[in-house]
Amino acid sequence: MEQIKLIVTDMDGTFLNSSHEMSPEFSDVYQELKKRNIVFVPASGRQMPGITHYFGEIESEIGFIAENGGYIIYKDQELFADTLEYQYIVEIIKAVREIPGAKAVLSAKKMAYYETEDQQFVDFFSKYYTENMKKDDLTEKIDDTAFKIAVYHPEGSEKYLYPALKRFEEFGLEVVVSGEYWLDVMNKDINKGNALKILQKSLGISPENTMAFGDYMNDIEMLKNARYSYAMKNAHPNVKEVANFEACTNDSFGVLKTIKDYLNLN
């Protein structure tokens, strides 16, 4: 195995267990990574505060890929921030309103915005979008930098959202199933893979020295940019096809187990 210099991992369904908890062993493992100058980077479809709050004590020491690649920070320095144009936001929100049961979250730099009255849904999505605000109408312009629109459907994103929203790919947008119930619409070429490339270039680290973990379709490009790419045992079949290796399930904290194996800590 080549020397690993960068470890990048998806959060939900990968690094975190089903209760959205990280392994109690992470702190000790991270200290070992730090000793060996291995950069650790969580990469998620979540907004930035929804990721950083897990890493409070070390936030300024590591990198973060948020918004499925739309926002990148390394050691408190912003490396990249995308902007979704207002005209697209209006059209996407209108389209989401036409899908029975679908709900939209407009994810931006300062805040995530929603218009639904469904408090149960608000409580649910607040786990991922911790900084959020209700708006009467999401098609009204906001004083913020929008990254993407995250769309939720309680019966499944692949079946109920993607067929209705994939037409936005014709406008040069990225429409990606990011979880069992979630789909994200953002600018073309915004994905975790291109975000990883930006980070690798900035740090002078090659894919051959990169380890990556993921479980869903929005992780595919990221896994393709890492020689040591791991699909979780619980991953979508499409992700397993792309990855070079497999890790134990997220509920077994497979990411930490794989890292510990590499570091000879088991």
C-alpha atoms as a PDB file:
ATOM      1  CA  MET A   1       0.000   0.000   0.000  1.00  0.00           C
ATOM      2  CA  GLU A   2       1.192   3.507  -0.892  1.00  0.00           C
ATOM      3  CA  GLN A   3       1.659   5.964   1.962  1.00  0.00           C
ATOM      4  CA  ILE A   4      -1.675   7.602   2.766  1.00  0.00           C
ATOM      5  CA  LYS A   5      -1.493  11.402   3.096  1.00  0.00           C
ATOM      6  CA  LEU A   6      -5.185  12.299   2.851  1.00  0.00           C
ATOM      7  CA  ILE A   7      -8.306  10.573   4.168  1.00  0.00           C
ATOM      8  CA  VAL A   8     -11.681  11.861   2.990  1.00  0.00           C
ATOM      9  CA  THR A   9     -14.977  10.404   4.187  1.00  0.00           C
ATOM     10  CA  ASP A  10     -18.666  10.903   3.623  1.00  0.00           C
ATOM     11  CA  MET A  11     -20.623  11.467   6.843  1.00  0.00           C
ATOM     12  CA  ASP A  12     -24.160   9.998   6.858  1.00  0.00           C
ATOM     13  CA  GLY A  13     -24.292   6.277   6.169  1.00  0.00           C
ATOM     14  CA  THR A  14     -20.481   6.170   6.184  1.00  0.00           C
ATOM     15  CA  PHE A  15     -18.545   7.843   9.009  1.00  0.00           C
ATOM     16  CA  LEU A  16     -21.578   8.243  11.289  1.00  0.00           C
ATOM     17  CA  ASN A  17     -23.738   5.369  12.479  1.00  0.00           C
ATOM     18  CA  SER A  18     -27.511   5.221  11.951  1.00  0.00           C
ATOM     19  CA  SER A  19     -28.007   7.374  15.056  1.00  0.00           C
ATOM     20  CA  HIS A  20     -25.771  10.082  13.478  1.00  0.00           C
ATOM     21  CA  GLU A  21     -23.008   9.424  16.023  1.00  0.00           C
ATOM     22  CA  MET A  22     -19.290   9.183  15.399  1.00  0.00           C
ATOM     23  CA  SER A  23     -17.126   6.456  16.884  1.00  0.00           C
ATOM     24  CA  PRO A  24     -15.953   7.156  20.457  1.00  0.00           C
ATOM     25  CA  GLU A  25     -12.509   6.048  19.240  1.00  0.00           C
ATOM     26  CA  PHE A  26     -12.204   8.852  16.689  1.00  0.00           C
ATOM     27  CA  SER A  27     -10.363  11.269  18.968  1.00  0.00           C
ATOM     28  CA  ASP A  28      -7.521   8.826  19.662  1.00  0.00           C
ATOM     29  CA  VAL A  29      -7.294   7.747  16.012  1.00  0.00           C
ATOM     30  CA  TYR A  30      -7.225  11.373  14.878  1.00  0.00           C
ATOM     31  CA  GLN A  31      -4.268  12.120  17.172  1.00  0.00           C
ATOM     32  CA  GLU A  32      -2.394   9.270  15.472  1.00  0.00           C
ATOM     33  CA  LEU A  33      -3.277  10.679  12.024  1.00  0.00           C
ATOM     34  CA  LYS A  34      -2.013  14.082  13.153  1.00  0.00           C
ATOM     35  CA  LYS A  35       1.289  12.589  14.335  1.00  0.00           C
ATOM     36  CA  ARG A  36       1.772  11.044  10.900  1.00  0.00           C
ATOM     37  CA  ASN A  37       0.763  14.240   9.032  1.00  0.00           C
ATOM     38  CA  ILE A  38      -2.266  12.574   7.441  1.00  0.00           C
ATOM     39  CA  VAL A  39      -4.936  15.131   6.553  1.00  0.00           C
ATOM     40  CA  PHE A  40      -8.492  14.218   7.585  1.00  0.00           C
ATOM     41  CA  VAL A  41     -11.455  15.634   5.632  1.00  0.00           C
ATOM     42  CA  PRO A  42     -15.180  14.971   6.162  1.00  0.00           C
ATOM     43  CA  ALA A  43     -17.138  15.386   2.898  1.00  0.00           C
ATOM     44  CA  SER A  44     -20.916  15.685   2.965  1.00  0.00           C
ATOM     45  CA  GLY A  45     -24.057  16.941   1.311  1.00  0.00           C
ATOM     46  CA  ARG A  46     -24.748  18.703   4.600  1.00  0.00           C
ATOM     47  CA  GLN A  47     -24.247  22.443   5.066  1.00  0.00           C
ATOM     48  CA  MET A  48     -20.916  23.439   6.642  1.00  0.00           C
ATOM     49  CA  PRO A  49     -22.162  23.957  10.243  1.00  0.00           C
ATOM     50  CA  GLY A  50     -23.925  20.572  10.041  1.00  0.00           C
ATOM     51  CA  ILE A  51     -20.497  18.952   9.622  1.00  0.00           C
ATOM     52  CA  THR A  52     -18.176  21.174  11.661  1.00  0.00           C
ATOM     53  CA  HIS A  53     -20.136  20.800  14.906  1.00  0.00           C
ATOM     54  CA  TYR A  54     -18.925  17.184  15.089  1.00  0.00           C
ATOM     55  CA  PHE A  55     -15.297  18.333  15.060  1.00  0.00           C
ATOM     56  CA  GLY A  56     -15.326  21.370  17.370  1.00  0.00           C
ATOM     57  CA  GLU A  57     -11.919  20.891  19.010  1.00  0.00           C
ATOM     58  CA  ILE A  58     -10.069  20.150  15.773  1.00  0.00           C
ATOM     59  CA  GLU A  59     -12.135  22.245  13.348  1.00  0.00           C
ATOM     60  CA  SER A  60      -9.270  24.620  12.565  1.00  0.00           C
ATOM     61  CA  GLU A  61      -6.826  21.734  11.963  1.00  0.00           C
ATOM     62  CA  ILE A  62      -8.695  19.819   9.263  1.00  0.00           C
ATOM     63  CA  GLY A  63     -10.504  20.326   5.953  1.00  0.00           C
ATOM     64  CA  PHE A  64     -14.199  20.134   5.111  1.00  0.00           C
ATOM     65  CA  ILE A  65     -16.121  19.506   1.899  1.00  0.00           C
ATOM     66  CA  ALA A  66     -19.742  20.618   2.363  1.00  0.00           C
ATOM     67  CA  GLU A  67     -22.768  20.979   0.078  1.00  0.00           C
ATOM     68  CA  ASN A  68     -21.705  17.961  -2.025  1.00  0.00           C
ATOM     69  CA  GLY A  69     -18.596  19.827  -3.126  1.00  0.00           C
ATOM     70  CA  GLY A  70     -20.049  23.321  -3.379  1.00  0.00           C
ATOM     71  CA  TYR A  71     -18.105  24.646  -0.397  1.00  0.00           C
ATOM     72  CA  ILE A  72     -14.537  23.745   0.653  1.00  0.00           C
ATOM     73  CA  ILE A  73     -12.612  24.920   3.711  1.00  0.00           C
ATOM     74  CA  TYR A  74      -9.141  23.876   4.865  1.00  0.00           C
ATOM     75  CA  LYS A  75      -7.772  25.053   8.232  1.00  0.00           C
ATOM     76  CA  ASP A  76     -10.395  27.837   8.412  1.00  0.00           C
ATOM     77  CA  GLN A  77      -9.458  29.098   4.917  1.00  0.00           C
ATOM     78  CA  GLU A  78     -12.111  29.084   2.190  1.00  0.00           C
ATOM     79  CA  LEU A  79     -10.782  27.276  -0.894  1.00  0.00           C
ATOM     80  CA  PHE A  80     -13.969  27.264  -2.965  1.00  0.00           C
ATOM     81  CA  ALA A  81     -17.581  28.487  -2.740  1.00  0.00           C
ATOM     82  CA  ASP A  82     -20.053  27.957  -5.554  1.00  0.00           C
ATOM     83  CA  THR A  83     -23.144  30.049  -6.419  1.00  0.00           C
ATOM     84  CA  LEU A  84     -26.390  28.678  -7.838  1.00  0.00           C
ATOM     85  CA  GLU A  85     -28.060  31.312 -10.022  1.00  0.00           C
ATOM     86  CA  TYR A  86     -31.364  32.819  -8.861  1.00  0.00           C
ATOM     87  CA  GLN A  87     -33.179  31.992 -12.130  1.00  0.00           C
ATOM     88  CA  TYR A  88     -32.532  28.286 -11.587  1.00  0.00           C
ATOM     89  CA  ILE A  89     -33.616  28.436  -7.952  1.00  0.00           C
ATOM     90  CA  VAL A  90     -37.029  29.804  -8.987  1.00  0.00           C
ATOM     91  CA  GLU A  91     -37.584  27.083 -11.610  1.00  0.00           C
ATOM     92  CA  ILE A  92     -36.435  24.222  -9.371  1.00  0.00           C
ATOM     93  CA  ILE A  93     -38.603  25.339  -6.433  1.00  0.00           C
ATOM     94  CA  LYS A  94     -41.631  25.593  -8.714  1.00  0.00           C
ATOM     95  CA  ALA A  95     -40.937  22.078 -10.025  1.00  0.00           C
ATOM     96  CA  VAL A  96     -40.573  20.654  -6.498  1.00  0.00           C
ATOM     97  CA  ARG A  97     -43.939  22.150  -5.524  1.00  0.00           C
ATOM     98  CA  GLU A  98     -45.520  20.052  -8.293  1.00  0.00           C
ATOM     99  CA  ILE A  99     -44.276  16.763  -6.793  1.00  0.00           C
ATOM    100  CA  PRO A 100     -46.720  15.398  -4.175  1.00  0.00           C
ATOM    101  CA  GLY A 101     -44.942  14.864  -0.843  1.00  0.00           C
ATOM    102  CA  ALA A 102     -41.699  16.599  -1.881  1.00  0.00           C
ATOM    103  CA  LYS A 103     -40.089  19.324   0.226  1.00  0.00           C
ATOM    104  CA  ALA A 104     -37.234  21.653  -0.694  1.00  0.00           C
ATOM    105  CA  VAL A 105     -34.397  23.130   1.341  1.00  0.00           C
ATOM    106  CA  LEU A 106     -32.389  25.969  -0.214  1.00  0.00           C
ATOM    107  CA  SER A 107     -28.904  25.547   1.195  1.00  0.00           C
ATOM    108  CA  ALA A 108     -26.750  28.680   1.329  1.00  0.00           C
ATOM    109  CA  LYS A 109     -23.621  29.955   3.035  1.00  0.00           C
ATOM    110  CA  LYS A 110     -25.238  31.657   6.050  1.00  0.00           C
ATOM    111  CA  MET A 111     -28.353  29.560   6.364  1.00  0.00           C
ATOM    112  CA  ALA A 112     -30.584  26.815   4.947  1.00  0.00           C
ATOM    113  CA  TYR A 113     -34.027  28.118   3.991  1.00  0.00           C
ATOM    114  CA  TYR A 114     -37.357  26.272   3.881  1.00  0.00           C
ATOM    115  CA  GLU A 115     -40.993  27.167   3.272  1.00  0.00           C
ATOM    116  CA  THR A 116     -42.861  24.116   4.563  1.00  0.00           C
ATOM    117  CA  GLU A 117     -45.195  24.260   7.579  1.00  0.00           C
ATOM    118  CA  ASP A 118     -44.413  20.617   8.410  1.00  0.00           C
ATOM    119  CA  GLN A 119     -42.649  20.890  11.770  1.00  0.00           C
ATOM    120  CA  GLN A 120     -41.841  17.178  11.863  1.00  0.00           C
ATOM    121  CA  PHE A 121     -39.855  17.578   8.630  1.00  0.00           C
ATOM    122  CA  VAL A 122     -38.139  20.727   9.959  1.00  0.00           C
ATOM    123  CA  ASP A 123     -37.043  18.834  13.082  1.00  0.00           C
ATOM    124  CA  PHE A 124     -35.745  16.022  10.873  1.00  0.00           C
ATOM    125  CA  PHE A 125     -33.743  18.068   8.379  1.00  0.00           C
ATOM    126  CA  SER A 126     -32.313  20.294  11.131  1.00  0.00           C
ATOM    127  CA  LYS A 127     -29.962  17.409  11.998  1.00  0.00           C
ATOM    128  CA  TYR A 128     -28.213  18.017   8.660  1.00  0.00           C
ATOM    129  CA  TYR A 129     -28.888  21.745   8.215  1.00  0.00           C
ATOM    130  CA  THR A 130     -28.351  23.042  11.729  1.00  0.00           C
ATOM    131  CA  GLU A 131     -28.524  26.735  10.769  1.00  0.00           C
ATOM    132  CA  ASN A 132     -31.935  27.216   9.170  1.00  0.00           C
ATOM    133  CA  MET A 133     -34.697  29.758   8.668  1.00  0.00           C
ATOM    134  CA  LYS A 134     -38.280  29.707   7.437  1.00  0.00           C
ATOM    135  CA  LYS A 135     -39.201  31.818   4.400  1.00  0.00           C
ATOM    136  CA  ASP A 136     -42.741  32.473   3.165  1.00  0.00           C
ATOM    137  CA  ASP A 137     -41.645  31.874  -0.418  1.00  0.00           C
ATOM    138  CA  LEU A 138     -38.397  30.211  -1.511  1.00  0.00           C
ATOM    139  CA  THR A 139     -38.647  31.783  -4.962  1.00  0.00           C
ATOM    140  CA  GLU A 140     -38.030  35.221  -3.422  1.00  0.00           C
ATOM    141  CA  LYS A 141     -34.428  36.408  -3.634  1.00  0.00           C
ATOM    142  CA  ILE A 142     -32.278  35.877  -0.529  1.00  0.00           C
ATOM    143  CA  ASP A 143     -29.354  37.943   0.712  1.00  0.00           C
ATOM    144  CA  ASP A 144     -27.066  34.928   0.781  1.00  0.00           C
ATOM    145  CA  THR A 145     -24.909  32.726  -1.480  1.00  0.00           C
ATOM    146  CA  ALA A 146     -26.936  29.672  -2.501  1.00  0.00           C
ATOM    147  CA  PHE A 147     -25.075  26.424  -3.152  1.00  0.00           C
ATOM    148  CA  LYS A 148     -27.825  23.945  -3.970  1.00  0.00           C
ATOM    149  CA  ILE A 149     -31.395  22.858  -3.475  1.00  0.00           C
ATOM    150  CA  ALA A 150     -31.819  19.697  -1.426  1.00  0.00           C
ATOM    151  CA  VAL A 151     -35.117  17.922  -2.060  1.00  0.00           C
ATOM    152  CA  TYR A 152     -36.682  15.342   0.270  1.00  0.00           C
ATOM    153  CA  HIS A 153     -39.316  12.703  -0.418  1.00  0.00           C
ATOM    154  CA  PRO A 154     -40.497  10.371   2.383  1.00  0.00           C
ATOM    155  CA  GLU A 155     -41.003   7.448  -0.017  1.00  0.00           C
ATOM    156  CA  GLY A 156     -37.653   7.592  -1.805  1.00  0.00           C
ATOM    157  CA  SER A 157     -35.650   9.983  -3.949  1.00  0.00           C
ATOM    158  CA  GLU A 158     -34.684   7.608  -6.771  1.00  0.00           C
ATOM    159  CA  LYS A 159     -38.300   6.755  -7.574  1.00  0.00           C
ATOM    160  CA  TYR A 160     -40.198   9.962  -6.784  1.00  0.00           C
ATOM    161  CA  LEU A 161     -37.732  12.819  -7.263  1.00  0.00           C
ATOM    162  CA  TYR A 162     -35.135  11.957  -9.898  1.00  0.00           C
ATOM    163  CA  PRO A 163     -37.591  11.228 -12.762  1.00  0.00           C
ATOM    164  CA  ALA A 164     -39.379  14.550 -12.113  1.00  0.00           C
ATOM    165  CA  LEU A 165     -36.255  16.692 -11.714  1.00  0.00           C
ATOM    166  CA  LYS A 166     -33.682  15.126 -14.054  1.00  0.00           C
ATOM    167  CA  ARG A 167     -34.781  17.567 -16.818  1.00  0.00           C
ATOM    168  CA  PHE A 168     -32.725  20.239 -15.045  1.00  0.00           C
ATOM    169  CA  GLU A 169     -29.632  18.421 -16.322  1.00  0.00           C
ATOM    170  CA  GLU A 170     -30.542  19.934 -19.712  1.00  0.00           C
ATOM    171  CA  PHE A 171     -29.894  23.387 -18.199  1.00  0.00           C
ATOM    172  CA  GLY A 172     -26.368  22.332 -17.321  1.00  0.00           C
ATOM    173  CA  LEU A 173     -27.180  21.508 -13.704  1.00  0.00           C
ATOM    174  CA  GLU A 174     -26.164  18.483 -11.637  1.00  0.00           C
ATOM    175  CA  VAL A 175     -29.103  16.388 -10.380  1.00  0.00           C
ATOM    176  CA  VAL A 176     -27.878  13.684  -8.020  1.00  0.00           C
ATOM    177  CA  VAL A 177     -29.543  11.175  -5.696  1.00  0.00           C
ATOM    178  CA  SER A 178     -27.642  11.892  -2.473  1.00  0.00           C
ATOM    179  CA  GLY A 179     -29.457   9.525  -0.113  1.00  0.00           C
ATOM    180  CA  GLU A 180     -32.430   7.178   0.136  1.00  0.00           C
ATOM    181  CA  TYR A 181     -34.813  10.118   0.597  1.00  0.00           C
ATOM    182  CA  TRP A 182     -32.716  13.048  -0.675  1.00  0.00           C
ATOM    183  CA  LEU A 183     -31.778  14.508  -4.036  1.00  0.00           C
ATOM    184  CA  ASP A 184     -29.580  17.549  -4.681  1.00  0.00           C
ATOM    185  CA  VAL A 185     -29.684  20.018  -7.560  1.00  0.00           C
ATOM    186  CA  MET A 186     -26.611  22.209  -8.051  1.00  0.00           C
ATOM    187  CA  ASN A 187     -24.347  23.614 -10.743  1.00  0.00           C
ATOM    188  CA  LYS A 188     -22.752  21.274 -13.279  1.00  0.00           C
ATOM    189  CA  ASP A 189     -19.423  19.788 -12.186  1.00  0.00           C
ATOM    190  CA  ILE A 190     -20.189  20.463  -8.530  1.00  0.00           C
ATOM    191  CA  ASN A 191     -19.545  17.153  -6.836  1.00  0.00           C
ATOM    192  CA  LYS A 192     -17.360  15.709  -4.111  1.00  0.00           C
ATOM    193  CA  GLY A 193     -14.908  14.389  -6.712  1.00  0.00           C
ATOM    194  CA  ASN A 194     -14.078  17.811  -8.153  1.00  0.00           C
ATOM    195  CA  ALA A 195     -13.943  19.222  -4.633  1.00  0.00           C
ATOM    196  CA  LEU A 196     -11.435  16.512  -3.734  1.00  0.00           C
ATOM    197  CA  LYS A 197      -9.357  17.455  -6.807  1.00  0.00           C
ATOM    198  CA  ILE A 198      -9.260  21.092  -5.635  1.00  0.00           C
ATOM    199  CA  LEU A 199      -8.124  19.957  -2.189  1.00  0.00           C
ATOM    200  CA  GLN A 200      -5.536  17.511  -3.576  1.00  0.00           C
ATOM    201  CA  LYS A 201      -4.084  20.207  -5.817  1.00  0.00           C
ATOM    202  CA  SER A 202      -3.979  22.718  -2.958  1.00  0.00           C
ATOM    203  CA  LEU A 203      -2.204  20.238  -0.670  1.00  0.00           C
ATOM    204  CA  GLY A 204       0.023  18.675  -3.335  1.00  0.00           C
ATOM    205  CA  ILE A 205      -1.381  15.200  -2.654  1.00  0.00           C
ATOM    206  CA  SER A 206      -2.118  12.719  -5.439  1.00  0.00           C
ATOM    207  CA  PRO A 207      -5.037  10.268  -5.761  1.00  0.00           C
ATOM    208  CA  GLU A 208      -2.460   7.483  -5.204  1.00  0.00           C
ATOM    209  CA  ASN A 209      -1.941   8.803  -1.655  1.00  0.00           C
ATOM    210  CA  THR A 210      -5.649   9.313  -0.946  1.00  0.00           C
ATOM    211  CA  MET A 211      -8.080   7.081   0.955  1.00  0.00           C
ATOM    212  CA  ALA A 212     -11.824   7.743   0.528  1.00  0.00           C
ATOM    213  CA  PHE A 213     -15.045   6.292   1.945  1.00  0.00           C
ATOM    214  CA  GLY A 214     -18.645   6.558   0.728  1.00  0.00           C
ATOM    215  CA  ASP A 215     -22.031   4.881   0.579  1.00  0.00           C
ATOM    216  CA  TYR A 216     -24.245   6.727  -1.908  1.00  0.00           C
ATOM    217  CA  MET A 217     -24.290   8.010  -5.480  1.00  0.00           C
ATOM    218  CA  ASN A 218     -23.054  11.480  -4.542  1.00  0.00           C
ATOM    219  CA  ASP A 219     -19.820   9.795  -3.367  1.00  0.00           C
ATOM    220  CA  ILE A 220     -18.985   8.119  -6.689  1.00  0.00           C
ATOM    221  CA  GLU A 221     -16.818  10.888  -8.206  1.00  0.00           C
ATOM    222  CA  MET A 222     -14.953  11.244  -4.919  1.00  0.00           C
ATOM    223  CA  LEU A 223     -14.174   7.528  -4.807  1.00  0.00           C
ATOM    224  CA  LYS A 224     -12.915   7.689  -8.389  1.00  0.00           C
ATOM    225  CA  ASN A 225     -10.315  10.256  -7.275  1.00  0.00           C
ATOM    226  CA  ALA A 226      -8.772   8.031  -4.613  1.00  0.00           C
ATOM    227  CA  ARG A 227      -6.605   4.948  -5.168  1.00  0.00           C
ATOM    228  CA  TYR A 228      -7.798   3.533  -1.833  1.00  0.00           C
ATOM    229  CA  SER A 229     -11.540   3.912  -2.371  1.00  0.00           C
ATOM    230  CA  TYR A 230     -13.864   2.097   0.006  1.00  0.00           C
ATOM    231  CA  ALA A 231     -17.597   1.473  -0.349  1.00  0.00           C
ATOM    232  CA  MET A 232     -19.310   0.713   2.924  1.00  0.00           C
ATOM    233  CA  LYS A 233     -20.868  -2.749   3.254  1.00  0.00           C
ATOM    234  CA  ASN A 234     -24.216  -0.895   3.473  1.00  0.00           C
ATOM    235  CA  ALA A 235     -23.492   1.134   0.296  1.00  0.00           C
ATOM    236  CA  HIS A 236     -25.687   1.411  -2.795  1.00  0.00           C
ATOM    237  CA  PRO A 237     -24.735  -1.284  -5.383  1.00  0.00           C
ATOM    238  CA  ASN A 238     -23.611   1.422  -7.857  1.00  0.00           C
ATOM    239  CA  VAL A 239     -21.090   2.677  -5.302  1.00  0.00           C
ATOM    240  CA  LYS A 240     -19.715  -0.813  -4.676  1.00  0.00           C
ATOM    241  CA  GLU A 241     -19.096  -1.195  -8.417  1.00  0.00           C
ATOM    242  CA  VAL A 242     -16.875   1.900  -8.448  1.00  0.00           C
ATOM    243  CA  ALA A 243     -14.912   1.404  -5.223  1.00  0.00           C
ATOM    244  CA  ASN A 244     -11.705  -0.624  -5.147  1.00  0.00           C
ATOM    245  CA  PHE A 245     -12.319  -1.990  -1.634  1.00  0.00           C
ATOM    246  CA  GLU A 246     -15.110  -2.566   0.870  1.00  0.00           C
ATOM    247  CA  ALA A 247     -15.319  -1.426   4.512  1.00  0.00           C
ATOM    248  CA  CYS A 248     -17.579  -2.750   7.281  1.00  0.00           C
ATOM    249  CA  THR A 249     -20.959  -1.068   7.743  1.00  0.00           C
ATOM    250  CA  ASN A 250     -21.320   2.426   9.160  1.00  0.00           C
ATOM    251  CA  ASP A 251     -22.983   0.931  12.249  1.00  0.00           C
ATOM    252  CA  SER A 252     -19.790  -1.081  12.814  1.00  0.00           C
ATOM    253  CA  PHE A 253     -17.800   2.162  12.327  1.00  0.00           C
ATOM    254  CA  GLY A 254     -16.147   0.646   9.278  1.00  0.00           C
ATOM    255  CA  VAL A 255     -14.286   3.865   8.424  1.00  0.00           C
ATOM    256  CA  LEU A 256     -12.471   3.904  11.769  1.00  0.00           C
ATOM    257  CA  LYS A 257     -11.807   0.166  11.606  1.00  0.00           C
ATOM    258  CA  THR A 258     -10.203   0.527   8.145  1.00  0.00           C
ATOM    259  CA  ILE A 259      -8.106   3.511   9.245  1.00  0.00           C
ATOM    260  CA  LYS A 260      -6.971   1.627  12.371  1.00  0.00           C
ATOM    261  CA  ASP A 261      -5.992  -1.361  10.214  1.00  0.00           C
ATOM    262  CA  TYR A 262      -3.877   0.940   8.024  1.00  0.00           C
ATOM    263  CA  LEU A 263      -2.255   2.524  11.095  1.00  0.00           C
ATOM    264  CA  ASN A 264      -1.742  -0.917  12.713  1.00  0.00           C
ATOM    265  CA  LEU A 265      -3.760   0.139  15.741  1.00  0.00           C
ATOM    266  CA  ASN A 266      -6.043  -2.931  15.908  1.00  0.00           C
END
